[in-house]
Amino acid sequence: MVQDVAQWIGAPGPYLSKVFHALGKARLVDTKRGRKGGVILVRPAKEITLEEIANAMDGDEWRTSCLLGLTVCSDERACPVHAFWTEERTRIYNELKQCSLADVARFERTHRLAHPPAESVSQE
């Protein structure tokens, strides 16, 4: 199943396996190995936010880290883009919390998946 999804979206299988592992560790999906294995959402897609998925993949450090990568960056000792990044981080976080996996699936059904990747289109 992971290989089928990887082929459909054009992602390397090993990478997608790591993605599913991270999502499983965050208890967003349940995975079963073997011939009849697969991946299933632990909760309905409308209850899983993109913020949860982002945290599962990258942790929540992005919400506090400096855009320029400085180890010391705060309101008291701000880098040149501190105010901008603080505001944008809040905006991004709020958008990710508002958007569910069901919203993404709905978009994909109406836009992207209607047109499969060129590699999977038959040349007959």
Protein backbone atom coordinates (compact mmCIF):
# COMPACT_ATOMS: atom_id res chain seq x y z
CA MET A 1 0.00 0.00 0.00
CA VAL A 2 2.76 2.50 0.87
CA GLN A 3 4.43 1.73 -2.46
CA ASP A 4 1.15 2.30 -4.30
CA VAL A 5 0.69 5.69 -2.65
CA ALA A 6 4.34 6.57 -3.29
CA GLN A 7 3.97 5.76 -6.97
CA TRP A 8 0.71 7.71 -7.26
CA ILE A 9 2.12 10.90 -5.73
CA GLY A 10 5.59 10.49 -7.19
CA ALA A 11 7.42 10.18 -3.86
CA PRO A 12 10.16 7.70 -2.98
CA GLY A 13 8.79 4.67 -1.10
CA PRO A 14 11.39 4.79 1.72
CA TYR A 15 10.59 8.47 2.34
CA LEU A 16 6.85 7.81 2.48
CA SER A 17 7.46 4.90 4.87
CA LYS A 18 9.25 7.34 7.20
CA VAL A 19 6.32 9.75 6.90
CA PHE A 20 3.85 7.03 7.88
CA HIS A 21 6.14 5.98 10.73
CA ALA A 22 6.21 9.55 12.09
CA LEU A 23 2.42 9.83 11.76
CA GLY A 24 2.05 6.51 13.58
CA LYS A 25 4.36 7.62 16.37
CA ALA A 26 2.18 10.73 16.77
CA ARG A 27 -0.88 8.46 16.92
CA LEU A 28 -2.47 9.97 13.84
CA VAL A 29 -2.43 6.70 11.90
CA ASP A 30 -2.26 3.03 12.73
CA THR A 31 -0.04 0.86 10.57
CA LYS A 32 -0.06 -2.86 10.03
CA ARG A 33 2.74 -4.70 8.29
CA GLY A 34 2.44 -7.71 6.10
CA ARG A 35 0.46 -8.87 3.12
CA LYS A 36 -2.83 -7.55 4.44
CA GLY A 37 -1.22 -4.56 6.09
CA GLY A 38 -1.83 -0.92 5.44
CA VAL A 39 -2.40 2.44 7.02
CA ILE A 40 -5.58 3.72 8.63
CA LEU A 41 -6.40 7.03 10.26
CA VAL A 42 -6.89 6.79 14.02
CA ARG A 43 -9.54 9.55 13.94
CA PRO A 44 -11.75 10.88 11.17
CA ALA A 45 -9.90 13.09 8.67
CA LYS A 46 -12.04 16.09 9.64
CA GLU A 47 -10.61 15.85 13.19
CA ILE A 48 -6.93 15.76 12.14
CA THR A 49 -5.44 19.19 11.53
CA LEU A 50 -2.47 20.09 9.38
CA GLU A 51 -0.90 21.52 12.54
CA GLU A 52 -0.93 18.02 14.07
CA ILE A 53 0.62 16.58 10.92
CA ALA A 54 3.29 19.30 10.80
CA ASN A 55 4.16 18.66 14.45
CA ALA A 56 4.36 14.91 13.79
CA MET A 57 6.76 15.49 10.91
CA ASP A 58 8.89 18.39 12.12
CA GLY A 59 8.14 18.88 15.80
CA ASP A 60 6.94 22.19 17.10
CA GLU A 61 10.34 23.91 17.16
CA TRP A 62 9.42 25.95 14.08
CA ARG A 63 6.99 27.93 16.26
CA THR A 64 9.81 29.23 18.43
CA SER A 65 12.92 29.08 16.27
CA CYS A 66 14.56 32.03 14.57
CA LEU A 67 14.00 32.31 10.82
CA LEU A 68 17.71 33.06 10.39
CA GLY A 69 18.70 30.13 12.61
CA LEU A 70 20.14 32.21 15.43
CA THR A 71 20.25 30.44 18.78
CA VAL A 72 19.53 33.68 20.65
CA CYS A 73 16.63 35.58 19.12
CA SER A 74 13.89 37.08 21.24
CA ASP A 75 11.90 40.26 21.69
CA GLU A 76 14.79 41.56 23.80
CA ARG A 77 17.54 40.56 21.33
CA ALA A 78 15.79 40.41 17.98
CA CYS A 79 17.27 39.49 14.62
CA PRO A 80 16.42 41.71 11.62
CA VAL A 81 13.35 39.61 10.68
CA HIS A 82 12.15 38.76 14.20
CA ALA A 83 8.96 40.87 14.16
CA PHE A 84 8.03 39.67 10.69
CA TRP A 85 8.63 35.99 11.51
CA THR A 86 6.79 36.18 14.83
CA GLU A 87 3.71 37.53 13.05
CA GLU A 88 3.95 35.09 10.13
CA ARG A 89 4.49 32.09 12.43
CA THR A 90 1.27 32.96 14.24
CA ARG A 91 -0.58 33.30 10.93
CA ILE A 92 0.79 29.99 9.63
CA TYR A 93 0.01 28.19 12.89
CA ASN A 94 -3.58 29.47 12.87
CA GLU A 95 -4.08 28.40 9.25
CA LEU A 96 -2.69 24.92 9.94
CA LYS A 97 -5.01 24.55 12.96
CA GLN A 98 -8.02 25.57 10.86
CA CYS A 99 -7.34 23.20 7.95
CA SER A 100 -8.14 19.52 8.35
CA LEU A 101 -6.94 16.49 6.47
CA ALA A 102 -10.51 16.23 5.12
CA ASP A 103 -10.12 19.73 3.63
CA VAL A 104 -6.94 18.62 1.85
CA ALA A 105 -8.60 15.42 0.60
CA ARG A 106 -11.56 17.42 -0.70
CA PHE A 107 -9.20 19.73 -2.57
CA GLU A 108 -7.27 16.78 -4.02
CA ARG A 109 -10.46 15.08 -5.18
CA THR A 110 -11.65 18.15 -7.03
CA HIS A 111 -8.32 19.43 -8.36
CA ARG A 112 -5.25 17.26 -8.42
CA LEU A 113 -6.38 13.63 -8.34
CA ALA A 114 -8.67 14.22 -11.30
CA HIS A 115 -5.41 14.42 -13.29
CA PRO A 116 -3.08 11.52 -12.39
CA PRO A 117 0.68 12.09 -12.63
CA ALA A 118 2.04 11.73 -16.16
CA GLU A 119 4.07 8.62 -15.27
CA SER A 120 0.93 6.65 -14.40
CA VAL A 121 -1.00 7.55 -17.56
CA SER A 122 -1.08 4.71 -20.04
CA GLN A 123 0.62 5.38 -23.39
CA GLU A 124 -1.58 2.97 -25.42
